[in-house]
Amino acid sequence: MIISFYNIASSLTHLNDLEEANRLYKEGYYLGQKILGSKHKLTIMLKSIVKPNKKKEKDDEKEALISSELNNAKSSRSLNKSRHRINP
């Protein structure tokens, strides 16, 4: 069953369904820990896949926040410029 989680997650990664793939990698990892133990090669492999994805999610969240802040700053400047044009 653990190998099935890995195989399906791997296929989903190639189809760019990264959110679902990451969820299945995590499921496989947790199941591997419970059934095989943390020292088993399959559990270790799944752990190495899950951890980088967590970092990537945090990086993606930071990029989204920065992008949002930049867009807010641009629209604020744009709004200020249009106000100055309206006033004589």
PDB file of N, CA and C in Angstrom:
ATOM      1  N   MET A   1       0.824  -1.198   0.000  1.00  0.00           N
ATOM      2  CA  MET A   1       0.000   0.000   0.000  1.00  0.00           C
ATOM      3  C   MET A   1       0.871   1.267   0.000  1.00  0.00           C
ATOM      4  N   ILE A   2       1.956   1.228   0.722  1.00  0.00           N
ATOM      5  CA  ILE A   2       2.850   2.383   0.796  1.00  0.00           C
ATOM      6  C   ILE A   2       3.450   2.669  -0.580  1.00  0.00           C
ATOM      7  N   ILE A   3       3.826   1.617  -1.275  1.00  0.00           N
ATOM      8  CA  ILE A   3       4.376   1.779  -2.618  1.00  0.00           C
ATOM      9  C   ILE A   3       3.320   2.356  -3.558  1.00  0.00           C
ATOM     10  N   SER A   4       2.064   1.980  -3.346  1.00  0.00           N
ATOM     11  CA  SER A   4       0.977   2.529  -4.170  1.00  0.00           C
ATOM     12  C   SER A   4       0.850   4.033  -3.969  1.00  0.00           C
ATOM     13  N   PHE A   5       0.950   4.485  -2.721  1.00  0.00           N
ATOM     14  CA  PHE A   5       0.916   5.926  -2.460  1.00  0.00           C
ATOM     15  C   PHE A   5       2.040   6.619  -3.223  1.00  0.00           C
ATOM     16  N   TYR A   6       3.230   6.028  -3.158  1.00  0.00           N
ATOM     17  CA  TYR A   6       4.372   6.620  -3.853  1.00  0.00           C
ATOM     18  C   TYR A   6       4.137   6.665  -5.363  1.00  0.00           C
ATOM     19  N   ASN A   7       3.688   5.550  -5.941  1.00  0.00           N
ATOM     20  CA  ASN A   7       3.492   5.486  -7.389  1.00  0.00           C
ATOM     21  C   ASN A   7       2.436   6.470  -7.882  1.00  0.00           C
ATOM     22  N   ILE A   8       1.336   6.558  -7.175  1.00  0.00           N
ATOM     23  CA  ILE A   8       0.270   7.486  -7.580  1.00  0.00           C
ATOM     24  C   ILE A   8       0.745   8.927  -7.423  1.00  0.00           C
ATOM     25  N   ALA A   9       1.430   9.207  -6.314  1.00  0.00           N
ATOM     26  CA  ALA A   9       1.941  10.565  -6.089  1.00  0.00           C
ATOM     27  C   ALA A   9       2.943  10.950  -7.168  1.00  0.00           C
ATOM     28  N   SER A  10       3.776  10.002  -7.554  1.00  0.00           N
ATOM     29  CA  SER A  10       4.758  10.262  -8.608  1.00  0.00           C
ATOM     30  C   SER A  10       4.053  10.582  -9.930  1.00  0.00           C
ATOM     31  N   SER A  11       3.013   9.827 -10.249  1.00  0.00           N
ATOM     32  CA  SER A  11       2.242  10.084 -11.478  1.00  0.00           C
ATOM     33  C   SER A  11       1.579  11.453 -11.432  1.00  0.00           C
ATOM     34  N   LEU A  12       1.020  11.806 -10.274  1.00  0.00           N
ATOM     35  CA  LEU A  12       0.369  13.107 -10.129  1.00  0.00           C
ATOM     36  C   LEU A  12       1.370  14.254 -10.257  1.00  0.00           C
ATOM     37  N   THR A  13       2.583  14.029  -9.791  1.00  0.00           N
ATOM     38  CA  THR A  13       3.627  15.045  -9.930  1.00  0.00           C
ATOM     39  C   THR A  13       3.908  15.311 -11.403  1.00  0.00           C
ATOM     40  N   HIS A  14       3.967  14.258 -12.185  1.00  0.00           N
ATOM     41  CA  HIS A  14       4.204  14.420 -13.627  1.00  0.00           C
ATOM     42  C   HIS A  14       3.021  15.079 -14.337  1.00  0.00           C
ATOM     43  N   LEU A  15       1.835  14.974 -13.740  1.00  0.00           N
ATOM     44  CA  LEU A  15       0.649  15.623 -14.306  1.00  0.00           C
ATOM     45  C   LEU A  15       0.437  17.033 -13.743  1.00  0.00           C
ATOM     46  N   ASN A  16       1.393  17.494 -12.938  1.00  0.00           N
ATOM     47  CA  ASN A  16       1.366  18.824 -12.311  1.00  0.00           C
ATOM     48  C   ASN A  16       0.252  19.013 -11.286  1.00  0.00           C
ATOM     49  N   ASP A  17      -0.235  17.934 -10.707  1.00  0.00           N
ATOM     50  CA  ASP A  17      -1.185  18.043  -9.591  1.00  0.00           C
ATOM     51  C   ASP A  17      -0.376  17.925  -8.304  1.00  0.00           C
ATOM     52  N   LEU A  18       0.410  18.955  -8.030  1.00  0.00           N
ATOM     53  CA  LEU A  18       1.394  18.904  -6.962  1.00  0.00           C
ATOM     54  C   LEU A  18       0.770  18.855  -5.568  1.00  0.00           C
ATOM     55  N   GLU A  19      -0.351  19.514  -5.403  1.00  0.00           N
ATOM     56  CA  GLU A  19      -0.998  19.519  -4.094  1.00  0.00           C
ATOM     57  C   GLU A  19      -1.445  18.113  -3.695  1.00  0.00           C
ATOM     58  N   GLU A  20      -2.105  17.421  -4.616  1.00  0.00           N
ATOM     59  CA  GLU A  20      -2.565  16.062  -4.340  1.00  0.00           C
ATOM     60  C   GLU A  20      -1.380  15.102  -4.242  1.00  0.00           C
ATOM     61  N   ALA A  21      -0.370  15.300  -5.062  1.00  0.00           N
ATOM     62  CA  ALA A  21       0.820  14.454  -5.003  1.00  0.00           C
ATOM     63  C   ALA A  21       1.493  14.586  -3.645  1.00  0.00           C
ATOM     64  N   ASN A  22       1.633  15.801  -3.174  1.00  0.00           N
ATOM     65  CA  ASN A  22       2.262  16.025  -1.871  1.00  0.00           C
ATOM     66  C   ASN A  22       1.452  15.373  -0.759  1.00  0.00           C
ATOM     67  N   ARG A  23       0.139  15.450  -0.856  1.00  0.00           N
ATOM     68  CA  ARG A  23      -0.714  14.823   0.152  1.00  0.00           C
ATOM     69  C   ARG A  23      -0.491  13.314   0.188  1.00  0.00           C
ATOM     70  N   LEU A  24      -0.387  12.696  -0.992  1.00  0.00           N
ATOM     71  CA  LEU A  24      -0.187  11.255  -1.053  1.00  0.00           C
ATOM     72  C   LEU A  24       1.221  10.852  -0.605  1.00  0.00           C
ATOM     73  N   TYR A  25       2.218  11.661  -0.929  1.00  0.00           N
ATOM     74  CA  TYR A  25       3.562  11.380  -0.410  1.00  0.00           C
ATOM     75  C   TYR A  25       3.543  11.395   1.119  1.00  0.00           C
ATOM     76  N   LYS A  26       2.857  12.381   1.702  1.00  0.00           N
ATOM     77  CA  LYS A  26       2.763  12.468   3.159  1.00  0.00           C
ATOM     78  C   LYS A  26       2.041  11.263   3.739  1.00  0.00           C
ATOM     79  N   GLU A  27       0.935  10.861   3.113  1.00  0.00           N
ATOM     80  CA  GLU A  27       0.197   9.682   3.571  1.00  0.00           C
ATOM     81  C   GLU A  27       1.103   8.450   3.558  1.00  0.00           C
ATOM     82  N   GLY A  28       1.833   8.277   2.456  1.00  0.00           N
ATOM     83  CA  GLY A  28       2.752   7.147   2.359  1.00  0.00           C
ATOM     84  C   GLY A  28       3.836   7.199   3.416  1.00  0.00           C
ATOM     85  N   TYR A  29       4.340   8.397   3.677  1.00  0.00           N
ATOM     86  CA  TYR A  29       5.380   8.566   4.694  1.00  0.00           C
ATOM     87  C   TYR A  29       4.859   8.211   6.079  1.00  0.00           C
ATOM     88  N   TYR A  30       3.680   8.739   6.436  1.00  0.00           N
ATOM     89  CA  TYR A  30       3.128   8.449   7.765  1.00  0.00           C
ATOM     90  C   TYR A  30       2.802   6.967   7.925  1.00  0.00           C
ATOM     91  N   LEU A  31       2.273   6.368   6.885  1.00  0.00           N
ATOM     92  CA  LEU A  31       1.972   4.942   6.914  1.00  0.00           C
ATOM     93  C   LEU A  31       3.266   4.128   6.998  1.00  0.00           C
ATOM     94  N   GLY A  32       4.283   4.552   6.276  1.00  0.00           N
ATOM     95  CA  GLY A  32       5.580   3.892   6.332  1.00  0.00           C
ATOM     96  C   GLY A  32       6.184   3.931   7.718  1.00  0.00           C
ATOM     97  N   GLN A  33       6.076   5.079   8.370  1.00  0.00           N
ATOM     98  CA  GLN A  33       6.583   5.191   9.738  1.00  0.00           C
ATOM     99  C   GLN A  33       5.854   4.216  10.661  1.00  0.00           C
ATOM    100  N   LYS A  34       4.552   4.152  10.502  1.00  0.00           N
ATOM    101  CA  LYS A  34       3.733   3.333  11.387  1.00  0.00           C
ATOM    102  C   LYS A  34       3.961   1.838  11.157  1.00  0.00           C
ATOM    103  N   ILE A  35       4.025   1.425   9.907  1.00  0.00           N
ATOM    104  CA  ILE A  35       4.106  -0.002   9.594  1.00  0.00           C
ATOM    105  C   ILE A  35       5.549  -0.496   9.475  1.00  0.00           C
ATOM    106  N   LEU A  36       6.382   0.247   8.737  1.00  0.00           N
ATOM    107  CA  LEU A  36       7.740  -0.201   8.456  1.00  0.00           C
ATOM    108  C   LEU A  36       8.772   0.316   9.448  1.00  0.00           C
ATOM    109  N   GLY A  37       8.471   1.436  10.062  1.00  0.00           N
ATOM    110  CA  GLY A  37       9.410   2.065  10.982  1.00  0.00           C
ATOM    111  C   GLY A  37      10.209   3.154  10.285  1.00  0.00           C
ATOM    112  N   SER A  38      10.777   4.033  11.082  1.00  0.00           N
ATOM    113  CA  SER A  38      11.466   5.207  10.531  1.00  0.00           C
ATOM    114  C   SER A  38      12.811   4.870   9.893  1.00  0.00           C
ATOM    115  N   LYS A  39      13.339   3.673  10.137  1.00  0.00           N
ATOM    116  CA  LYS A  39      14.647   3.299   9.588  1.00  0.00           C
ATOM    117  C   LYS A  39      14.539   2.541   8.258  1.00  0.00           C
ATOM    118  N   HIS A  40      13.335   2.223   7.837  1.00  0.00           N
ATOM    119  CA  HIS A  40      13.145   1.486   6.583  1.00  0.00           C
ATOM    120  C   HIS A  40      13.472   2.390   5.399  1.00  0.00           C
ATOM    121  N   LYS A  41      14.060   1.810   4.349  1.00  0.00           N
ATOM    122  CA  LYS A  41      14.500   2.597   3.185  1.00  0.00           C
ATOM    123  C   LYS A  41      13.340   3.331   2.505  1.00  0.00           C
ATOM    124  N   LEU A  42      12.187   2.687   2.416  1.00  0.00           N
ATOM    125  CA  LEU A  42      11.041   3.327   1.771  1.00  0.00           C
ATOM    126  C   LEU A  42      10.546   4.530   2.586  1.00  0.00           C
ATOM    127  N   THR A  43      10.518   4.373   3.899  1.00  0.00           N
ATOM    128  CA  THR A  43      10.109   5.489   4.769  1.00  0.00           C
ATOM    129  C   THR A  43      11.090   6.644   4.643  1.00  0.00           C
ATOM    130  N   ILE A  44      12.375   6.330   4.621  1.00  0.00           N
ATOM    131  CA  ILE A  44      13.404   7.366   4.496  1.00  0.00           C
ATOM    132  C   ILE A  44      13.278   8.087   3.160  1.00  0.00           C
ATOM    133  N   MET A  45      13.025   7.329   2.089  1.00  0.00           N
ATOM    134  CA  MET A  45      12.869   7.940   0.765  1.00  0.00           C
ATOM    135  C   MET A  45      11.663   8.888   0.752  1.00  0.00           C
ATOM    136  N   LEU A  46      10.530   8.438   1.308  1.00  0.00           N
ATOM    137  CA  LEU A  46       9.332   9.289   1.330  1.00  0.00           C
ATOM    138  C   LEU A  46       9.571  10.530   2.188  1.00  0.00           C
ATOM    139  N   LYS A  47      10.300  10.367   3.272  1.00  0.00           N
ATOM    140  CA  LYS A  47      10.617  11.520   4.127  1.00  0.00           C
ATOM    141  C   LYS A  47      11.427  12.554   3.351  1.00  0.00           C
ATOM    142  N   SER A  48      12.361  12.096   2.526  1.00  0.00           N
ATOM    143  CA  SER A  48      13.189  13.037   1.752  1.00  0.00           C
ATOM    144  C   SER A  48      12.369  13.762   0.694  1.00  0.00           C
ATOM    145  N   ILE A  49      11.290  13.145   0.237  1.00  0.00           N
ATOM    146  CA  ILE A  49      10.422  13.790  -0.746  1.00  0.00           C
ATOM    147  C   ILE A  49       9.500  14.796  -0.068  1.00  0.00           C
ATOM    148  N   VAL A  50       8.965  14.430   1.082  1.00  0.00           N
ATOM    149  CA  VAL A  50       7.993  15.281   1.788  1.00  0.00           C
ATOM    150  C   VAL A  50       8.645  16.560   2.295  1.00  0.00           C
ATOM    151  N   LYS A  51       9.803  16.495   2.878  1.00  0.00           N
ATOM    152  CA  LYS A  51      10.435  17.685   3.468  1.00  0.00           C
ATOM    153  C   LYS A  51      10.720  18.787   2.457  1.00  0.00           C
ATOM    154  N   PRO A  52      11.318  18.487   1.288  1.00  0.00           N
ATOM    155  CA  PRO A  52      11.530  19.573   0.323  1.00  0.00           C
ATOM    156  C   PRO A  52      10.220  20.210  -0.141  1.00  0.00           C
ATOM    157  N   ASN A  53       9.162  19.432  -0.239  1.00  0.00           N
ATOM    158  CA  ASN A  53       7.877  19.990  -0.637  1.00  0.00           C
ATOM    159  C   ASN A  53       7.358  20.977   0.400  1.00  0.00           C
ATOM    160  N   LYS A  54       7.599  20.707   1.678  1.00  0.00           N
ATOM    161  CA  LYS A  54       7.179  21.654   2.717  1.00  0.00           C
ATOM    162  C   LYS A  54       7.909  22.981   2.548  1.00  0.00           C
ATOM    163  N   LYS A  55       9.209  22.923   2.278  1.00  0.00           N
ATOM    164  CA  LYS A  55       9.977  24.140   2.071  1.00  0.00           C
ATOM    165  C   LYS A  55       9.467  24.882   0.847  1.00  0.00           C
ATOM    166  N   LYS A  56       9.172  24.153  -0.213  1.00  0.00           N
ATOM    167  CA  LYS A  56       8.675  24.776  -1.433  1.00  0.00           C
ATOM    168  C   LYS A  56       7.348  25.482  -1.169  1.00  0.00           C
ATOM    169  N   GLU A  57       6.469  24.860  -0.361  1.00  0.00           N
ATOM    170  CA  GLU A  57       5.191  25.490  -0.036  1.00  0.00           C
ATOM    171  C   GLU A  57       5.421  26.806   0.694  1.00  0.00           C
ATOM    172  N   LYS A  58       6.361  26.820   1.643  1.00  0.00           N
ATOM    173  CA  LYS A  58       6.654  28.048   2.374  1.00  0.00           C
ATOM    174  C   LYS A  58       7.216  29.114   1.443  1.00  0.00           C
ATOM    175  N   ASP A  59       8.112  28.705   0.526  1.00  0.00           N
ATOM    176  CA  ASP A  59       8.669  29.644  -0.439  1.00  0.00           C
ATOM    177  C   ASP A  59       7.580  30.207  -1.350  1.00  0.00           C
ATOM    178  N   ASP A  60       6.669  29.341  -1.788  1.00  0.00           N
ATOM    179  CA  ASP A  60       5.560  29.787  -2.640  1.00  0.00           C
ATOM    180  C   ASP A  60       4.670  30.776  -1.901  1.00  0.00           C
ATOM    181  N   GLU A  61       4.414  30.510  -0.605  1.00  0.00           N
ATOM    182  CA  GLU A  61       3.595  31.429   0.192  1.00  0.00           C
ATOM    183  C   GLU A  61       4.290  32.784   0.319  1.00  0.00           C
ATOM    184  N   LYS A  62       5.610  32.780   0.538  1.00  0.00           N
ATOM    185  CA  LYS A  62       6.358  34.034   0.647  1.00  0.00           C
ATOM    186  C   LYS A  62       6.305  34.814  -0.661  1.00  0.00           C
ATOM    187  N   GLU A  63       6.493  34.111  -1.786  1.00  0.00           N
ATOM    188  CA  GLU A  63       6.434  34.773  -3.088  1.00  0.00           C
ATOM    189  C   GLU A  63       5.066  35.376  -3.342  1.00  0.00           C
ATOM    190  N   ALA A  64       4.009  34.664  -2.973  1.00  0.00           N
ATOM    191  CA  ALA A  64       2.651  35.170  -3.162  1.00  0.00           C
ATOM    192  C   ALA A  64       2.430  36.423  -2.312  1.00  0.00           C
ATOM    193  N   LEU A  65       2.937  36.416  -1.084  1.00  0.00           N
ATOM    194  CA  LEU A  65       2.781  37.562  -0.204  1.00  0.00           C
ATOM    195  C   LEU A  65       3.540  38.769  -0.751  1.00  0.00           C
ATOM    196  N   ILE A  66       4.757  38.556  -1.201  1.00  0.00           N
ATOM    197  CA  ILE A  66       5.557  39.649  -1.775  1.00  0.00           C
ATOM    198  C   ILE A  66       4.881  40.200  -3.020  1.00  0.00           C
ATOM    199  N   SER A  67       4.395  39.309  -3.878  1.00  0.00           N
ATOM    200  CA  SER A  67       3.711  39.732  -5.097  1.00  0.00           C
ATOM    201  C   SER A  67       2.474  40.550  -4.759  1.00  0.00           C
ATOM    202  N   SER A  68       1.718  40.104  -3.765  1.00  0.00           N
ATOM    203  CA  SER A  68       0.525  40.818  -3.344  1.00  0.00           C
ATOM    204  C   SER A  68       0.870  42.207  -2.819  1.00  0.00           C
ATOM    205  N   GLU A  69       1.928  42.283  -2.017  1.00  0.00           N
ATOM    206  CA  GLU A  69       2.350  43.584  -1.480  1.00  0.00           C
ATOM    207  C   GLU A  69       2.804  44.522  -2.600  1.00  0.00           C
ATOM    208  N   LEU A  70       3.518  43.979  -3.576  1.00  0.00           N
ATOM    209  CA  LEU A  70       3.957  44.809  -4.705  1.00  0.00           C
ATOM    210  C   LEU A  70       2.763  45.316  -5.511  1.00  0.00           C
ATOM    211  N   ASN A  71       1.784  44.452  -5.744  1.00  0.00           N
ATOM    212  CA  ASN A  71       0.583  44.868  -6.471  1.00  0.00           C
ATOM    213  C   ASN A  71      -0.181  45.945  -5.714  1.00  0.00           C
ATOM    214  N   ASN A  72      -0.257  45.795  -4.385  1.00  0.00           N
ATOM    215  CA  ASN A  72      -0.931  46.812  -3.573  1.00  0.00           C
ATOM    216  C   ASN A  72      -0.201  48.144  -3.655  1.00  0.00           C
ATOM    217  N   ALA A  73       1.123  48.098  -3.630  1.00  0.00           N
ATOM    218  CA  ALA A  73       1.909  49.325  -3.715  1.00  0.00           C
ATOM    219  C   ALA A  73       1.728  49.991  -5.080  1.00  0.00           C
ATOM    220  N   LYS A  74       1.717  49.189  -6.142  1.00  0.00           N
ATOM    221  CA  LYS A  74       1.532  49.733  -7.487  1.00  0.00           C
ATOM    222  C   LYS A  74       0.156  50.364  -7.634  1.00  0.00           C
ATOM    223  N   SER A  75      -0.883  49.688  -7.155  1.00  0.00           N
ATOM    224  CA  SER A  75      -2.228  50.245  -7.296  1.00  0.00           C
ATOM    225  C   SER A  75      -2.398  51.482  -6.426  1.00  0.00           C
ATOM    226  N   SER A  76      -1.718  51.528  -5.300  1.00  0.00           N
ATOM    227  CA  SER A  76      -1.767  52.706  -4.444  1.00  0.00           C
ATOM    228  C   SER A  76      -1.120  53.902  -5.142  1.00  0.00           C
ATOM    229  N   ARG A  77       0.041  53.665  -5.785  1.00  0.00           N
ATOM    230  CA  ARG A  77       0.700  54.734  -6.527  1.00  0.00           C
ATOM    231  C   ARG A  77      -0.157  55.188  -7.708  1.00  0.00           C
ATOM    232  N   SER A  78      -0.767  54.243  -8.375  1.00  0.00           N
ATOM    233  CA  SER A  78      -1.614  54.547  -9.514  1.00  0.00           C
ATOM    234  C   SER A  78      -2.811  55.387  -9.076  1.00  0.00           C
ATOM    235  N   LEU A  79      -3.385  55.021  -7.940  1.00  0.00           N
ATOM    236  CA  LEU A  79      -4.525  55.764  -7.405  1.00  0.00           C
ATOM    237  C   LEU A  79      -4.104  57.179  -7.048  1.00  0.00           C
ATOM    238  N   ASN A  80      -2.934  57.335  -6.434  1.00  0.00           N
ATOM    239  CA  ASN A  80      -2.447  58.671  -6.071  1.00  0.00           C
ATOM    240  C   ASN A  80      -2.203  59.523  -7.316  1.00  0.00           C
ATOM    241  N   LYS A  81      -1.667  58.952  -8.375  1.00  0.00           N
ATOM    242  CA  LYS A  81      -1.420  59.698  -9.598  1.00  0.00           C
ATOM    243  C   LYS A  81      -2.736  60.160 -10.205  1.00  0.00           C
ATOM    244  N   SER A  82      -3.739  59.288 -10.205  1.00  0.00           N
ATOM    245  CA  SER A  82      -5.023  59.665 -10.816  1.00  0.00           C
ATOM    246  C   SER A  82      -5.718  60.753  -9.990  1.00  0.00           C
ATOM    247  N   ARG A  83      -5.525  60.745  -8.693  1.00  0.00           N
ATOM    248  CA  ARG A  83      -6.110  61.807  -7.858  1.00  0.00           C
ATOM    249  C   ARG A  83      -5.501  63.155  -8.189  1.00  0.00           C
ATOM    250  N   HIS A  84      -4.203  63.151  -8.449  1.00  0.00           N
ATOM    251  CA  HIS A  84      -3.521  64.413  -8.762  1.00  0.00           C
ATOM    252  C   HIS A  84      -3.970  64.943 -10.118  1.00  0.00           C
ATOM    253  N   ARG A  85      -4.321  64.081 -11.025  1.00  0.00           N
ATOM    254  CA  ARG A  85      -4.769  64.529 -12.342  1.00  0.00           C
ATOM    255  C   ARG A  85      -6.168  65.128 -12.290  1.00  0.00           C
ATOM    256  N   ILE A  86      -6.998  64.627 -11.404  1.00  0.00           N
ATOM    257  CA  ILE A  86      -8.372  65.103 -11.306  1.00  0.00           C
ATOM    258  C   ILE A  86      -8.408  66.501 -10.702  1.00  0.00           C
ATOM    259  N   ASN A  87      -7.607  66.719  -9.700  1.00  0.00           N
ATOM    260  CA  ASN A  87      -7.590  68.021  -9.023  1.00  0.00           C
ATOM    261  C   ASN A  87      -6.871  69.062  -9.873  1.00  0.00           C
ATOM    262  N   PRO A  88      -7.437  70.272  -9.968  1.00  0.00           N
ATOM    263  CA  PRO A  88      -6.773  71.320 -10.766  1.00  0.00           C
ATOM    264  C   PRO A  88      -5.537  71.895 -10.121  1.00  0.00           C
TER     265      PRO A  88
END
